[in-house]
C-alpha atoms as a PDB file:
ATOM      1  CA  HIS A   1      10.913  16.214 -17.033  1.00  0.00           C
ATOM      2  CA  ALA A   2      10.688  12.343 -17.828  1.00  0.00           C
ATOM      3  CA  LEU A   3       9.139  10.723 -15.144  1.00  0.00           C
ATOM      4  CA  GLY A   4      11.222   7.682 -14.850  1.00  0.00           C
ATOM      5  CA  TRP A   5      10.683   3.875 -15.303  1.00  0.00           C
ATOM      6  CA  LEU A   6       8.465   1.409 -13.590  1.00  0.00           C
ATOM      7  CA  HIS A   7      11.517  -0.326 -10.995  1.00  0.00           C
ATOM      8  CA  HIS A   8       8.909  -3.167  -9.845  1.00  0.00           C
ATOM      9  CA  PRO A   9       5.774  -4.518 -11.168  1.00  0.00           C
ATOM     10  CA  VAL A  10       2.366  -2.971 -10.898  1.00  0.00           C
ATOM     11  CA  ARG A  11      -0.350  -4.869  -9.750  1.00  0.00           C
ATOM     12  CA  LEU A  12      -4.119  -4.296 -10.916  1.00  0.00           C
ATOM     13  CA  ARG A  13      -7.066  -4.283  -7.775  1.00  0.00           C
ATOM     14  CA  TRP A  14     -10.574  -3.587  -7.960  1.00  0.00           C
ATOM     15  CA  GLY A  15     -11.622  -1.468  -5.215  1.00  0.00           C
ATOM     16  CA  ARG A  16     -15.097  -0.465  -3.408  1.00  0.00           C
ATOM     17  CA  PRO A  17     -17.683   1.955  -5.094  1.00  0.00           C
ATOM     18  CA  ALA A  18     -16.809   3.675  -1.611  1.00  0.00           C
ATOM     19  CA  ASP A  19     -13.131   4.129  -2.521  1.00  0.00           C
ATOM     20  CA  PHE A  20     -14.554   6.436  -5.273  1.00  0.00           C
ATOM     21  CA  PRO A  21     -16.507   8.742  -4.014  1.00  0.00           C
ATOM     22  CA  GLN A  22     -16.582  11.389  -6.994  1.00  0.00           C
ATOM     23  CA  ALA A  23     -18.328  10.462 -10.107  1.00  0.00           C
ATOM     24  CA  ARG A  24     -14.773  10.936 -12.490  1.00  0.00           C
ATOM     25  CA  ASP A  25     -12.958   8.954 -10.045  1.00  0.00           C
ATOM     26  CA  HIS A  26     -12.190   5.694 -11.764  1.00  0.00           C
ATOM     27  CA  ALA A  27      -8.274   4.867 -10.833  1.00  0.00           C
ATOM     28  CA  PHE A  28      -5.794   5.882  -8.111  1.00  0.00           C
ATOM     29  CA  ALA A  29      -2.299   4.920  -7.534  1.00  0.00           C
ATOM     30  CA  SER A  30       0.409   3.793  -5.067  1.00  0.00           C
ATOM     31  CA  THR A  31       4.076   2.573  -4.996  1.00  0.00           C
ATOM     32  CA  GLY A  32       3.211  -1.097  -6.452  1.00  0.00           C
ATOM     33  CA  VAL A  33      -1.184  -1.348  -7.443  1.00  0.00           C
ATOM     34  CA  ILE A  34      -3.027   0.112  -8.778  1.00  0.00           C
ATOM     35  CA  THR A  35      -6.458   0.668  -7.645  1.00  0.00           C
ATOM     36  CA  VAL A  36      -9.545   0.733 -10.061  1.00  0.00           C
ATOM     37  CA  SER A  37     -12.776   1.695  -9.083  1.00  0.00           C
ATOM     38  CA  PRO A  38     -15.957  -1.058 -10.379  1.00  0.00           C
ATOM     39  CA  LYS A  39     -17.472   1.833 -12.734  1.00  0.00           C
ATOM     40  CA  LEU A  40     -14.158   1.172 -14.839  1.00  0.00           C
ATOM     41  CA  ALA A  41     -15.609  -1.871 -15.748  1.00  0.00           C
ATOM     42  CA  GLN A  42     -18.164  -0.849 -17.586  1.00  0.00           C
ATOM     43  CA  ALA A  43     -16.213   2.023 -19.594  1.00  0.00           C
ATOM     44  CA  ASP A  44     -15.369   2.046 -23.006  1.00  0.00           C
ATOM     45  CA  ASP A  45     -12.008   0.783 -23.976  1.00  0.00           C
ATOM     46  CA  LEU A  46     -10.669   4.541 -24.681  1.00  0.00           C
ATOM     47  CA  ARG A  47     -11.550   5.873 -21.070  1.00  0.00           C
ATOM     48  CA  VAL A  48     -10.259   2.573 -19.947  1.00  0.00           C
ATOM     49  CA  ALA A  49      -6.812   2.936 -21.848  1.00  0.00           C
ATOM     50  CA  GLY A  50      -6.371   7.002 -20.666  1.00  0.00           C
ATOM     51  CA  VAL A  51      -6.922   6.268 -17.326  1.00  0.00           C
ATOM     52  CA  LEU A  52      -4.686   3.143 -16.972  1.00  0.00           C
ATOM     53  CA  GLY A  53      -2.108   4.628 -18.553  1.00  0.00           C
ATOM     54  CA  HIS A  54      -2.621   8.015 -16.652  1.00  0.00           C
ATOM     55  CA  GLU A  55      -2.400   6.051 -13.747  1.00  0.00           C
ATOM     56  CA  LEU A  56       0.878   3.975 -14.877  1.00  0.00           C
ATOM     57  CA  ALA A  57       2.864   7.409 -15.217  1.00  0.00           C
ATOM     58  CA  HIS A  58       2.380   7.923 -11.571  1.00  0.00           C
ATOM     59  CA  VAL A  59       3.312   4.718 -10.131  1.00  0.00           C
ATOM     60  CA  ALA A  60       6.861   5.417 -12.473  1.00  0.00           C
ATOM     61  CA  ALA A  61       6.717   8.622 -10.836  1.00  0.00           C
ATOM     62  CA  ILE A  62       6.111   7.602  -7.258  1.00  0.00           C
ATOM     63  CA  GLN A  63       8.810   4.790  -7.809  1.00  0.00           C
ATOM     64  CA  ASN A  64      11.223   6.988  -8.124  1.00  0.00           C
ATOM     65  CA  HIS A  65      10.725   9.339  -5.880  1.00  0.00           C
ATOM     66  CA  ILE A  66       9.653  11.933  -8.523  1.00  0.00           C
ATOM     67  CA  GLU A  67       6.872  15.210  -7.317  1.00  0.00           C
ATOM     68  CA  HIS A  68       4.821  15.716 -11.043  1.00  0.00           C
ATOM     69  CA  THR A  69       1.706  16.902 -11.365  1.00  0.00           C
ATOM     70  CA  GLU A  70      -1.395  15.634 -13.276  1.00  0.00           C
ATOM     71  CA  ARG A  71      -0.791  17.043 -16.975  1.00  0.00           C
ATOM     72  CA  GLU A  72       2.521  15.578 -16.260  1.00  0.00           C
ATOM     73  CA  ALA A  73       0.989  11.655 -15.841  1.00  0.00           C
ATOM     74  CA  ASP A  74      -1.001  12.720 -18.902  1.00  0.00           C
ATOM     75  CA  ALA A  75       2.141  13.530 -20.892  1.00  0.00           C
ATOM     76  CA  VAL A  76       3.798  10.422 -19.760  1.00  0.00           C
ATOM     77  CA  GLY A  77       0.850   8.217 -19.943  1.00  0.00           C
ATOM     78  CA  GLY A  78       0.339   8.982 -23.636  1.00  0.00           C
ATOM     79  CA  ARG A  79       3.521   8.103 -24.082  1.00  0.00           C
ATOM     80  CA  ILE A  80       3.457   5.066 -22.000  1.00  0.00           C
ATOM     81  CA  LEU A  81       0.605   4.224 -24.650  1.00  0.00           C
ATOM     82  CA  GLY A  82       1.850   6.199 -27.784  1.00  0.00           C
ATOM     83  CA  GLN A  83      -0.963   8.190 -28.399  1.00  0.00           C
ATOM     84  CA  HIS A  84      -2.404  11.774 -26.624  1.00  0.00           C
ATOM     85  CA  ILE A  85      -4.193  11.400 -23.294  1.00  0.00           C
ATOM     86  CA  GLY A  86      -7.111  13.808 -23.083  1.00  0.00           C
ATOM     87  CA  TYR A  87     -10.702  14.507 -21.144  1.00  0.00           C
ATOM     88  CA  ASP A  88     -13.703  13.232 -22.297  1.00  0.00           C
ATOM     89  CA  ARG A  89     -17.169  15.245 -21.012  1.00  0.00           C
ATOM     90  CA  ASP A  90     -16.939  14.046 -17.387  1.00  0.00           C
ATOM     91  CA  LEU A  91     -13.411  15.559 -16.989  1.00  0.00           C
ATOM     92  CA  VAL A  92     -11.808  11.450 -17.186  1.00  0.00           C
ATOM     93  CA  GLN A  93      -8.898  10.662 -19.159  1.00  0.00           C
ATOM     94  CA  ARG A  94      -9.250   9.454 -22.473  1.00  0.00           C
ATOM     95  CA  ALA A  95      -6.898   8.009 -24.839  1.00  0.00           C
END
């Protein structure tokens, strides 16, 4: 099912390293904010695109009050980007 679309602007903000305790943690979403880990600044373009596409899908679902899975966020994020989102060897999203 579709996760809806974004009804409100989305801000990106840098989080603190302590907000991302696991090695694979690079971002998280809330109603209108995607908080990104400082380690995303060192990531390659495909990881950045995969993570941000995935998190945009979460924001769309949250704004539309739609329950969804991580895999659904990957699929919708891939549609946002126009390419598949998979996972790299570190289990982080990658476009």
